[in-house]
Amino acid sequence: MAAEIHSRPQSSRPVLLSKIEGHQDAVTAALLIPKEDGVITASEDRTIRVWLKRDSGQYWPSIYHTMASPCSAMAYHHDSRRIFVGQDNGAVMEFHVSEDFNKMNFIKTYPAHQNRVSAIIFSLATEWVISTGHDKCVSWMCTRSGNMLGRHFFTSWASCLQYDFDTQYAFVGDYSGQITLLKLEQNSCSVITTLKGHEGSIACLWWDPIQRLLFSGASDNSIIMWDIGGRKGRTLLLQGHHDRVQSLCYLQLTRQLVSCSSDGGIAVWNMDVSREEAPQWLESDSCQKCEQPFFWNIKQMWDTKTLGLRQHHCRKCGQAVCGKCSSKRSSYPVMGFEFQVRVCDSCYDSIKDEDRTSLATFHEGKHNISHMSMDVARGLMVTCGTDRIVKIWDMTPVVGCSLAAGFAPR
């Protein structure tokens, strides 16, 4: 059944539906159970819990299972009701949940990593469990035999993972700020390309297989959209968070991107507009506006008998300018700058008032967010973090649509 879209005011806020408390340590992952009033959580307190909504409206744990090591990552496949839990000791454990979500049976343990597991994805078509870890590798194991099929090592911790189920391409973000695109095979892999653009470690990735867009969030507080399908290297920069971007979810139907940061910020970006690519910063030995030398340009400083100036960059045109020629600040949402950034005087004068109209809405989750996931079909979002609290939100007032039952997210 196709999804119905009902227009709603864009200025509304997320509605907090429920707050779940009970974990004794940070909640590392929380996933909504499709078509059920239930949530699966994994925590540093070494427990995995399944919470079901009771008649009272409160969520109570129907399953409470203690692991041997703190839980660091989780994946859930609803059709087969299989849960994969990554642990701090590097192991991935598989469980099967009963139809009424009141019982969970252990299936097997996968010795996937030698250190903390950071992300897990399960592919039913290939029967692979793919994971990344702080042992600087991505591994894929066969869920039928439990055997290791392959590994690929990086130069730094592998922090996040996305996977294209049709092509078997894996996207791996790491702590160096690099994203590696790999083609996984049964017993080998090949590196397709690497993406570099962030100035901090990659914290989260989201892959949209329909438009073939990759979104990355990092500790530099920014988001980059990579146009993988276009193969032109086109990238869009989104800056609106004030802390590490921890989770992403792209709503393909409404062309909106939902992002969460560790300070509790929730942003909804309108991607259904024509955006401009941020320019590459130009390098120069002197200001490209007034031609005054920068402080390392000894020759020009000597010739002109002037002191060298500090180099800055205009975020709109990318030119190297001095502080006097870039004294003004402006937002420029079409280029992804939702808050005021440095621009040169000529670019400032060229920006009209309508150019400053925001292309995103920003909301406060009022708790630390380390992980977020969405049930797109119902417009629900769940957030969790180091404050040990899990929050369930109604996002339909914000994303501007109500999705009828029957729409299946990827």
Protein backbone atom coordinates (compact mmCIF):
# COMPACT_ATOMS: atom_id res chain seq x y z
CA MET A 1 0.00 0.00 0.00
CA ALA A 2 1.33 3.43 -0.86
CA ALA A 3 1.94 6.00 1.82
CA GLU A 4 -0.49 8.86 2.29
CA ILE A 5 0.99 12.29 2.89
CA HIS A 6 -0.95 14.80 4.94
CA SER A 7 0.39 18.32 5.12
CA ARG A 8 1.10 19.64 8.60
CA PRO A 9 2.55 22.90 9.92
CA GLN A 10 6.33 22.90 9.59
CA SER A 11 6.85 25.07 12.67
CA SER A 12 5.60 22.44 15.13
CA ARG A 13 7.84 20.56 17.52
CA PRO A 14 8.42 16.86 18.17
CA VAL A 15 5.91 15.52 20.66
CA LEU A 16 7.34 13.47 23.53
CA LEU A 17 5.10 10.42 23.83
CA SER A 18 6.93 8.31 26.41
CA LYS A 19 10.02 8.27 28.56
CA ILE A 20 11.55 4.94 29.56
CA GLU A 21 13.82 4.71 32.60
CA GLY A 22 15.38 1.70 34.25
CA HIS A 23 18.85 1.14 32.80
CA GLN A 24 21.75 1.51 35.22
CA ASP A 25 24.24 2.83 32.65
CA ALA A 26 24.34 4.53 29.24
CA VAL A 27 21.87 3.20 26.67
CA THR A 28 23.89 2.57 23.51
CA ALA A 29 21.05 1.56 21.16
CA ALA A 30 17.26 1.75 21.06
CA LEU A 31 15.10 0.38 18.23
CA LEU A 32 11.34 0.64 17.72
CA ILE A 33 9.60 -2.65 16.96
CA PRO A 34 7.66 -2.20 13.68
CA LYS A 35 3.86 -2.47 13.99
CA GLU A 36 4.17 -2.95 17.75
CA ASP A 37 4.13 -0.65 20.78
CA GLY A 38 7.54 -1.87 21.77
CA VAL A 39 11.19 -0.86 22.03
CA ILE A 40 14.37 -2.94 22.17
CA THR A 41 17.28 -1.41 24.09
CA ALA A 42 20.91 -2.34 24.69
CA SER A 43 23.01 -0.78 27.41
CA GLU A 44 26.44 -0.47 28.96
CA ASP A 45 24.86 -2.06 32.06
CA ARG A 46 25.23 -5.38 30.18
CA THR A 47 21.49 -5.83 29.61
CA ILE A 48 19.30 -6.10 26.55
CA ARG A 49 15.66 -5.40 27.21
CA VAL A 50 12.40 -5.55 25.27
CA TRP A 51 9.88 -2.98 26.50
CA LEU A 52 6.17 -3.34 25.67
CA LYS A 53 3.53 -0.71 26.22
CA ARG A 54 0.98 -1.80 28.81
CA ASP A 55 -2.67 -0.76 29.23
CA SER A 56 -1.53 1.91 31.65
CA GLY A 57 0.39 3.60 28.85
CA GLN A 58 3.73 2.83 30.50
CA TYR A 59 6.50 0.68 29.02
CA TRP A 60 7.60 -2.33 31.07
CA PRO A 61 10.33 -4.87 30.23
CA SER A 62 8.88 -8.11 28.92
CA ILE A 63 12.42 -9.41 28.34
CA TYR A 64 15.42 -8.67 30.54
CA HIS A 65 18.63 -10.45 29.53
CA THR A 66 22.05 -9.94 31.08
CA MET A 67 25.12 -10.24 28.86
CA ALA A 68 28.71 -11.11 29.74
CA SER A 69 30.00 -7.72 28.59
CA PRO A 70 28.60 -4.19 28.11
CA CYS A 71 26.40 -3.89 25.02
CA SER A 72 27.80 -1.44 22.46
CA ALA A 73 25.70 -1.93 19.29
CA MET A 74 22.55 -3.67 18.11
CA ALA A 75 20.64 -4.66 14.97
CA TYR A 76 17.11 -6.06 14.72
CA HIS A 77 15.54 -7.83 11.74
CA HIS A 78 11.78 -7.77 12.25
CA ASP A 79 10.64 -10.31 9.65
CA SER A 80 12.81 -13.04 11.19
CA ARG A 81 12.70 -11.50 14.71
CA ARG A 82 16.46 -11.84 15.07
CA ILE A 83 18.48 -9.56 17.32
CA PHE A 84 22.24 -9.11 16.98
CA VAL A 85 24.03 -7.49 19.90
CA GLY A 86 27.61 -6.24 19.74
CA GLN A 87 29.60 -6.15 22.94
CA ASP A 88 32.54 -4.34 24.45
CA ASN A 89 34.59 -7.55 24.32
CA GLY A 90 34.26 -7.74 20.51
CA ALA A 91 31.70 -10.56 20.31
CA VAL A 92 28.38 -10.38 18.47
CA MET A 93 25.55 -12.48 19.92
CA GLU A 94 22.43 -13.54 18.04
CA PHE A 95 19.02 -14.07 19.64
CA HIS A 96 15.57 -15.00 18.38
CA VAL A 97 12.52 -13.30 19.88
CA SER A 98 9.18 -15.04 20.28
CA GLU A 99 6.14 -13.80 18.38
CA ASP A 100 4.62 -12.23 21.50
CA PHE A 101 7.97 -10.60 22.44
CA ASN A 102 7.95 -12.21 25.88
CA LYS A 103 10.79 -14.69 25.35
CA MET A 104 14.24 -14.51 23.75
CA ASN A 105 16.36 -17.53 22.84
CA PHE A 106 20.12 -17.47 22.37
CA ILE A 107 21.24 -18.68 18.91
CA LYS A 108 25.01 -18.28 18.66
CA THR A 109 28.05 -16.12 19.34
CA TYR A 110 30.17 -14.63 16.55
CA PRO A 111 33.83 -13.85 17.42
CA ALA A 112 33.73 -10.84 15.12
CA HIS A 113 36.25 -8.47 16.74
CA GLN A 114 39.07 -8.19 19.25
CA ASN A 115 37.70 -4.95 20.71
CA ARG A 116 34.46 -3.02 21.16
CA VAL A 117 31.84 -3.49 18.42
CA SER A 118 30.68 -0.13 17.04
CA ALA A 119 28.00 -1.08 14.47
CA ILE A 120 26.11 -4.13 13.14
CA ILE A 121 24.05 -4.80 10.02
CA PHE A 122 22.34 -8.09 9.15
CA SER A 123 21.70 -9.12 5.53
CA LEU A 124 19.06 -11.82 5.20
CA ALA A 125 19.71 -12.34 1.48
CA THR A 126 23.34 -13.34 2.00
CA GLU A 127 22.95 -14.49 5.62
CA TRP A 128 25.80 -12.20 6.63
CA VAL A 129 26.25 -10.29 9.85
CA ILE A 130 28.49 -7.32 9.06
CA SER A 131 30.10 -5.34 11.86
CA THR A 132 32.73 -2.72 12.63
CA GLY A 133 34.84 -2.39 15.73
CA HIS A 134 37.52 -0.57 17.65
CA ASP A 135 40.00 -3.21 16.48
CA LYS A 136 40.14 -1.08 13.29
CA CYS A 137 38.31 -3.53 11.07
CA VAL A 138 35.07 -4.42 9.37
CA SER A 139 34.17 -8.11 9.41
CA TRP A 140 31.44 -10.17 7.80
CA MET A 141 30.45 -13.59 9.10
CA CYS A 142 28.11 -16.30 7.88
CA THR A 143 25.06 -16.68 10.12
CA ARG A 144 24.48 -20.25 8.92
CA SER A 145 27.92 -21.61 9.82
CA GLY A 146 29.12 -18.93 12.22
CA ASN A 147 32.38 -18.75 10.28
CA MET A 148 34.35 -15.61 9.50
CA LEU A 149 34.10 -14.83 5.78
CA GLY A 150 36.34 -11.79 5.58
CA ARG A 151 37.95 -8.81 7.28
CA HIS A 152 39.31 -5.49 6.15
CA PHE A 153 41.52 -3.34 8.36
CA PHE A 154 41.78 0.43 8.59
CA THR A 155 44.33 2.78 10.13
CA SER A 156 41.99 3.88 12.93
CA TRP A 157 38.91 2.73 14.83
CA ALA A 158 35.99 1.84 12.59
CA SER A 159 33.12 3.80 14.11
CA CYS A 160 30.02 3.37 11.91
CA LEU A 161 28.63 1.32 9.05
CA GLN A 162 26.06 1.39 6.24
CA TYR A 163 25.37 -1.28 3.63
CA ASP A 164 23.72 -1.44 0.21
CA PHE A 165 21.91 -4.76 0.11
CA ASP A 166 21.59 -4.88 -3.70
CA THR A 167 25.22 -4.21 -4.63
CA GLN A 168 26.92 -5.48 -1.42
CA TYR A 169 28.75 -2.18 -1.01
CA ALA A 170 29.70 -1.27 2.55
CA PHE A 171 30.39 2.25 3.77
CA VAL A 172 32.67 2.44 6.82
CA GLY A 173 33.40 5.63 8.74
CA ASP A 174 36.42 5.83 11.02
CA TYR A 175 37.99 8.01 13.69
CA SER A 176 40.40 9.63 11.23
CA GLY A 177 37.45 11.35 9.53
CA GLN A 178 37.57 9.12 6.46
CA ILE A 179 34.80 7.06 4.84
CA THR A 180 35.79 3.94 2.91
CA LEU A 181 33.56 2.36 0.27
CA LEU A 182 34.11 -1.41 0.01
CA LYS A 183 32.70 -4.08 -2.28
CA LEU A 184 32.17 -7.17 -0.13
CA GLU A 185 32.48 -10.64 -1.66
CA GLN A 186 32.03 -14.09 -0.16
CA ASN A 187 35.64 -14.35 1.02
CA SER A 188 37.25 -11.07 -0.02
CA CYS A 189 36.63 -7.38 -0.56
CA SER A 190 37.95 -4.54 -2.68
CA VAL A 191 38.30 -0.85 -1.88
CA ILE A 192 36.25 1.23 -4.34
CA THR A 193 37.08 4.71 -3.06
CA THR A 194 37.64 6.81 0.04
CA LEU A 195 35.74 9.98 0.93
CA LYS A 196 37.46 12.79 2.81
CA GLY A 197 35.77 16.00 3.90
CA HIS A 198 35.24 16.01 7.66
CA GLU A 199 37.66 17.57 10.12
CA GLY A 200 36.72 15.17 12.91
CA SER A 201 35.93 11.51 13.50
CA ILE A 202 32.92 10.06 11.69
CA ALA A 203 30.15 9.33 14.20
CA CYS A 204 27.27 8.18 11.99
CA LEU A 205 26.31 7.32 8.42
CA TRP A 206 23.03 6.97 6.53
CA TRP A 207 22.67 5.46 3.06
CA ASP A 208 19.67 6.12 0.84
CA PRO A 209 19.66 3.37 -1.81
CA ILE A 210 16.97 5.01 -3.94
CA GLN A 211 18.66 8.36 -4.59
CA ARG A 212 22.07 6.81 -3.89
CA LEU A 213 22.99 9.49 -1.40
CA LEU A 214 25.30 8.99 1.58
CA PHE A 215 25.02 11.24 4.62
CA SER A 216 27.76 11.45 7.24
CA GLY A 217 27.84 13.15 10.64
CA ALA A 218 31.01 13.82 12.58
CA SER A 219 32.61 15.27 15.69
CA ASP A 220 33.24 18.51 13.77
CA ASN A 221 29.49 19.16 14.34
CA SER A 222 28.77 19.02 10.60
CA ILE A 223 26.92 16.80 8.14
CA ILE A 224 28.03 16.08 4.58
CA MET A 225 25.81 14.72 1.82
CA TRP A 226 27.79 12.71 -0.75
CA ASP A 227 26.24 12.15 -4.17
CA ILE A 228 27.43 8.59 -4.74
CA GLY A 229 25.03 7.82 -7.57
CA GLY A 230 25.99 10.87 -9.62
CA ARG A 231 29.67 9.88 -9.48
CA LYS A 232 30.59 13.56 -9.75
CA GLY A 233 31.94 13.94 -6.26
CA ARG A 234 29.27 16.51 -5.45
CA THR A 235 29.03 17.20 -1.75
CA LEU A 236 26.75 19.40 0.32
CA LEU A 237 27.77 20.69 3.73
CA LEU A 238 25.16 21.14 6.49
CA GLN A 239 26.13 23.09 9.61
CA GLY A 240 23.53 23.70 12.30
CA HIS A 241 24.52 21.57 15.27
CA HIS A 242 26.65 22.81 18.15
CA ASP A 243 27.99 19.40 19.18
CA ARG A 244 28.94 16.01 17.76
CA VAL A 245 26.38 14.68 15.24
CA GLN A 246 25.47 11.24 16.56
CA SER A 247 22.65 9.90 14.37
CA LEU A 248 21.05 10.46 10.96
CA CYS A 249 17.92 9.32 9.17
CA TYR A 250 16.91 10.41 5.66
CA LEU A 251 13.19 10.39 4.88
CA GLN A 252 13.16 9.63 1.18
CA LEU A 253 9.43 10.21 0.76
CA THR A 254 9.51 13.80 2.03
CA ARG A 255 13.15 14.58 1.14
CA GLN A 256 14.02 15.49 4.72
CA LEU A 257 17.04 14.62 6.83
CA VAL A 258 16.68 14.14 10.59
CA SER A 259 19.86 14.52 12.64
CA CYS A 260 20.62 14.37 16.37
CA SER A 261 23.64 15.64 18.27
CA SER A 262 25.11 14.71 21.63
CA ASP A 263 23.91 17.94 23.26
CA GLY A 264 20.30 16.91 22.61
CA GLY A 265 19.83 18.92 19.44
CA ILE A 266 17.33 17.54 16.90
CA ALA A 267 17.39 19.03 13.40
CA VAL A 268 15.12 18.44 10.41
CA TRP A 269 16.72 19.57 7.14
CA ASN A 270 14.74 20.33 4.00
CA MET A 271 16.61 18.53 1.21
CA ASP A 272 13.88 19.11 -1.36
CA VAL A 273 15.38 22.45 -2.40
CA SER A 274 18.16 23.48 -4.73
CA ARG A 275 21.26 23.82 -2.56
CA GLU A 276 24.68 25.23 -3.41
CA GLU A 277 27.92 23.37 -2.88
CA ALA A 278 30.27 25.07 -0.42
CA PRO A 279 33.41 26.31 -2.22
CA GLN A 280 36.91 24.96 -1.67
CA TRP A 281 39.01 27.36 0.37
CA LEU A 282 41.54 29.22 -1.75
CA GLU A 283 45.10 29.80 -0.61
CA SER A 284 46.98 33.05 -1.14
CA ASP A 285 49.97 34.92 0.28
CA SER A 286 47.94 38.12 0.51
CA CYS A 287 44.32 39.17 1.01
CA GLN A 288 42.40 38.59 -2.20
CA LYS A 289 40.38 41.73 -1.55
CA CYS A 290 42.77 44.46 -0.33
CA GLU A 291 46.03 42.67 -1.30
CA GLN A 292 47.59 43.23 2.14
CA PRO A 293 50.19 40.51 2.90
CA PHE A 294 49.55 37.67 5.30
CA PHE A 295 52.04 37.25 8.14
CA TRP A 296 54.12 34.57 6.39
CA ASN A 297 54.60 36.71 3.26
CA ILE A 298 57.95 38.15 4.39
CA LYS A 299 58.91 39.58 0.99
CA GLN A 300 55.76 41.67 0.55
CA MET A 301 55.87 42.77 4.18
CA TRP A 302 59.46 44.00 3.64
CA ASP A 303 58.69 45.66 0.32
CA THR A 304 55.59 47.47 1.57
CA LYS A 305 56.90 48.09 5.11
CA THR A 306 53.67 46.70 6.60
CA LEU A 307 52.85 44.08 9.22
CA GLY A 308 51.44 40.80 8.01
CA LEU A 309 47.80 39.94 8.69
CA ARG A 310 46.09 36.75 9.72
CA GLN A 311 44.39 34.73 6.95
CA HIS A 312 40.66 33.98 7.05
CA HIS A 313 38.26 32.52 4.49
CA CYS A 314 34.89 33.67 3.24
CA ARG A 315 32.46 30.77 3.58
CA LYS A 316 30.44 31.87 0.54
CA CYS A 317 33.13 32.44 -2.11
CA GLY A 318 36.08 30.63 -0.49
CA GLN A 319 38.54 33.49 -1.00
CA ALA A 320 41.43 34.10 1.39
CA VAL A 321 40.78 37.42 3.11
CA CYS A 322 42.00 39.46 6.06
CA GLY A 323 39.93 40.25 9.13
CA LYS A 324 39.15 43.80 7.98
CA CYS A 325 37.72 42.58 4.67
CA SER A 326 35.61 39.88 6.38
CA SER A 327 34.31 41.69 9.44
CA LYS A 328 30.66 40.71 8.87
CA ARG A 329 28.77 37.51 9.63
CA SER A 330 25.73 36.01 7.96
CA SER A 331 23.79 32.79 7.74
CA TYR A 332 23.46 31.29 4.26
CA PRO A 333 21.17 28.23 4.51
CA VAL A 334 21.22 27.40 0.78
CA MET A 335 24.90 26.50 1.28
CA GLY A 336 24.16 24.69 4.55
CA PHE A 337 25.19 27.46 6.97
CA GLU A 338 22.22 27.74 9.31
CA PHE A 339 24.06 29.94 11.79
CA GLN A 340 26.18 32.99 11.14
CA VAL A 341 29.58 32.42 9.59
CA ARG A 342 32.39 34.64 8.32
CA VAL A 343 31.80 36.16 4.87
CA CYS A 344 33.72 38.82 2.97
CA ASP A 345 32.15 42.24 2.67
CA SER A 346 31.20 41.86 -1.00
CA CYS A 347 29.51 38.50 -0.38
CA TYR A 348 27.68 39.96 2.62
CA ASP A 349 26.27 42.71 0.42
CA SER A 350 25.16 40.16 -2.18
CA ILE A 351 23.13 38.08 0.32
CA LYS A 352 19.49 39.15 0.34
CA ASP A 353 17.14 38.85 3.30
CA GLU A 354 15.28 35.99 1.64
CA ASP A 355 18.61 34.15 1.24
CA ARG A 356 18.82 33.99 5.03
CA THR A 357 15.53 32.09 5.37
CA SER A 358 16.25 28.88 7.27
CA LEU A 359 15.97 25.57 5.42
CA ALA A 360 15.90 23.51 8.63
CA THR A 361 14.04 23.39 11.92
CA PHE A 362 15.85 22.90 15.22
CA HIS A 363 14.47 21.34 18.37
CA GLU A 364 15.69 20.40 21.83
CA GLY A 365 15.58 16.77 22.92
CA LYS A 366 16.47 17.79 26.49
CA HIS A 367 18.75 14.84 27.08
CA ASN A 368 22.08 13.58 25.86
CA ILE A 369 21.59 11.70 22.57
CA SER A 370 24.06 9.01 21.55
CA HIS A 371 21.73 7.03 19.27
CA MET A 372 18.50 7.63 17.34
CA SER A 373 16.33 5.48 15.11
CA MET A 374 13.01 6.02 13.38
CA ASP A 375 9.94 4.03 12.43
CA VAL A 376 9.25 5.95 9.24
CA ALA A 377 5.91 4.24 8.61
CA ARG A 378 4.48 5.64 11.84
CA GLY A 379 6.50 8.85 12.07
CA LEU A 380 8.03 7.76 15.38
CA MET A 381 11.54 8.37 16.64
CA VAL A 382 13.37 6.91 19.63
CA THR A 383 16.44 8.52 21.22
CA CYS A 384 18.76 7.29 23.96
CA GLY A 385 22.00 8.36 25.56
CA THR A 386 24.40 8.48 28.46
CA ASP A 387 21.72 9.83 30.80
CA ARG A 388 20.24 6.27 30.77
CA ILE A 389 16.89 7.58 29.47
CA VAL A 390 15.01 6.42 26.36
CA LYS A 391 12.54 8.84 24.77
CA ILE A 392 9.88 8.08 22.16
CA TRP A 393 8.80 10.98 19.95
CA ASP A 394 6.01 11.68 17.50
CA MET A 395 7.83 13.37 14.62
CA THR A 396 4.86 13.83 12.26
CA PRO A 397 4.27 17.49 13.28
CA VAL A 398 7.89 18.23 12.34
CA VAL A 399 8.48 16.24 9.17
CA GLY A 400 5.19 17.48 7.76
CA CYS A 401 3.66 14.17 6.87
CA SER A 402 1.74 11.26 8.33
CA LEU A 403 2.67 7.96 6.73
CA ALA A 404 -0.11 5.46 6.43
CA ALA A 405 0.47 1.87 7.47
CA GLY A 406 1.88 -0.28 4.74
CA PHE A 407 4.84 1.89 3.78
CA ALA A 408 7.94 -0.15 4.44
CA PRO A 409 11.20 1.72 5.07
CA ARG A 410 14.36 0.18 3.65
